[in-house]
Amino acid sequence: MHQPQQTLTGPRRRLSRSAHVLLRTDVLFTLSPLQSASLFGCTSRAGLCEDVQVEIRKSVLKQGSVQHLFGRVAAVLKRGRNDAHVLAALHPTPAVCGRPREAALG
């Protein structure tokens, strides 16, 4: 039997939006060209890109019975960097392992 999709309301909605902002900030921080930047007590670990554009507007992506908030990110990779470098720098995300990443993985 097909279940209708529900939207998040109340505290769950606020938590989801807060988590989205934290993850978006982490992506920006990770890809940013500023190697000496510090965020949440962490030093930038990648600096893979020359230019990073993060869409502030959020949209909802529905996948089956689950809904995700998402926003677009565009960046220009530095010379010698590729998709594998980006994936290695972004995974695991704070949503998976916590923050600061090094302490969470240790």
Protein backbone atom coordinates (compact mmCIF):
# COMPACT_ATOMS: atom_id res chain seq x y z
CA MET A 1 0.00 0.00 0.00
CA HIS A 2 1.39 3.40 -0.99
CA GLN A 3 1.92 5.79 1.91
CA PRO A 4 1.46 9.51 1.21
CA GLN A 5 4.61 11.56 1.68
CA GLN A 6 4.63 13.79 4.72
CA THR A 7 6.49 17.02 5.11
CA LEU A 8 8.52 17.80 8.19
CA THR A 9 6.89 20.10 10.69
CA GLY A 10 7.78 21.69 14.02
CA PRO A 11 11.07 20.76 15.72
CA ARG A 12 11.97 18.14 13.08
CA ARG A 13 11.71 20.78 10.36
CA ARG A 14 13.94 23.20 12.29
CA LEU A 15 16.48 20.42 12.95
CA SER A 16 16.52 19.45 9.27
CA ARG A 17 17.09 23.06 8.20
CA SER A 18 19.84 23.51 10.81
CA ALA A 19 21.56 20.32 9.65
CA HIS A 20 21.30 21.51 6.03
CA VAL A 21 22.97 24.82 6.90
CA LEU A 22 25.78 23.04 8.76
CA LEU A 23 26.39 20.64 5.87
CA ARG A 24 26.26 23.43 3.29
CA THR A 25 28.80 25.39 5.35
CA ASP A 26 31.04 22.32 5.60
CA VAL A 27 30.98 21.85 1.80
CA LEU A 28 31.85 25.51 1.25
CA PHE A 29 34.61 25.35 3.84
CA THR A 30 36.07 22.14 2.42
CA LEU A 31 36.14 23.34 -1.19
CA SER A 32 37.20 26.92 -0.40
CA PRO A 33 40.59 28.11 -1.63
CA LEU A 34 41.35 29.59 1.79
CA GLN A 35 43.64 26.99 3.35
CA SER A 36 44.09 28.92 6.58
CA ALA A 37 40.38 29.34 7.23
CA SER A 38 39.04 27.95 10.48
CA LEU A 39 35.48 26.83 11.15
CA PHE A 40 34.11 25.11 14.24
CA GLY A 41 37.66 24.64 15.48
CA CYS A 42 38.84 22.92 12.30
CA THR A 43 41.36 24.00 9.70
CA SER A 44 40.38 23.72 6.04
CA ARG A 45 41.44 20.29 4.82
CA ALA A 46 41.24 20.63 1.06
CA GLY A 47 41.09 23.99 -0.69
CA LEU A 48 40.32 22.14 -3.92
CA CYS A 49 38.69 24.99 -5.81
CA GLU A 50 39.46 28.43 -7.13
CA ASP A 51 35.85 29.60 -6.94
CA VAL A 52 32.88 28.18 -5.04
CA GLN A 53 29.27 29.29 -5.47
CA VAL A 54 26.71 27.97 -2.97
CA GLU A 55 23.01 28.40 -3.61
CA ILE A 56 21.34 29.70 -0.46
CA ARG A 57 17.83 28.72 -1.57
CA LYS A 58 16.82 25.23 -0.44
CA SER A 59 14.68 22.79 -2.38
CA VAL A 60 13.13 19.46 -1.40
CA LEU A 61 14.26 16.27 -3.12
CA LYS A 62 11.77 13.42 -2.66
CA GLN A 63 13.19 9.89 -2.80
CA GLY A 64 10.56 7.29 -2.05
CA SER A 65 9.18 8.01 1.40
CA VAL A 66 12.15 10.20 2.36
CA GLN A 67 12.60 13.90 1.69
CA HIS A 68 15.95 15.70 1.64
CA LEU A 69 16.73 19.39 1.63
CA PHE A 70 19.26 20.28 -1.04
CA GLY A 71 20.93 23.27 -2.61
CA ARG A 72 23.22 23.52 -5.59
CA VAL A 73 26.98 24.03 -5.36
CA ALA A 74 29.17 25.06 -8.29
CA ALA A 75 32.94 25.28 -8.22
CA VAL A 76 35.98 25.56 -10.45
CA LEU A 77 38.54 22.90 -9.54
CA LYS A 78 42.17 23.86 -9.15
CA ARG A 79 44.56 22.49 -11.79
CA GLY A 80 45.44 18.85 -11.07
CA ARG A 81 42.27 18.19 -9.02
CA ASN A 82 39.40 15.96 -10.10
CA ASP A 83 36.15 14.37 -8.88
CA ALA A 84 38.02 11.77 -6.82
CA HIS A 85 39.72 14.54 -4.81
CA VAL A 86 36.36 16.21 -4.14
CA LEU A 87 34.72 12.95 -3.03
CA ALA A 88 37.64 12.10 -0.75
CA ALA A 89 37.53 15.56 0.84
CA LEU A 90 33.75 15.58 1.39
CA HIS A 91 33.19 11.99 2.57
CA PRO A 92 32.21 11.24 5.22
CA THR A 93 30.11 14.32 5.81
CA PRO A 94 29.37 15.71 9.29
CA ALA A 95 25.92 14.14 8.97
CA VAL A 96 27.62 10.73 8.92
CA CYS A 97 30.53 11.08 11.33
CA GLY A 98 30.19 14.38 13.20
CA ARG A 99 32.41 17.41 13.55
CA PRO A 100 35.32 18.04 13.88
CA ARG A 101 35.91 15.27 11.35
CA GLU A 102 39.34 14.20 12.57
CA ALA A 103 38.16 13.73 16.17
CA ALA A 104 34.93 12.02 15.06
CA LEU A 105 36.84 9.51 12.94
CA GLY A 106 39.51 8.93 15.61
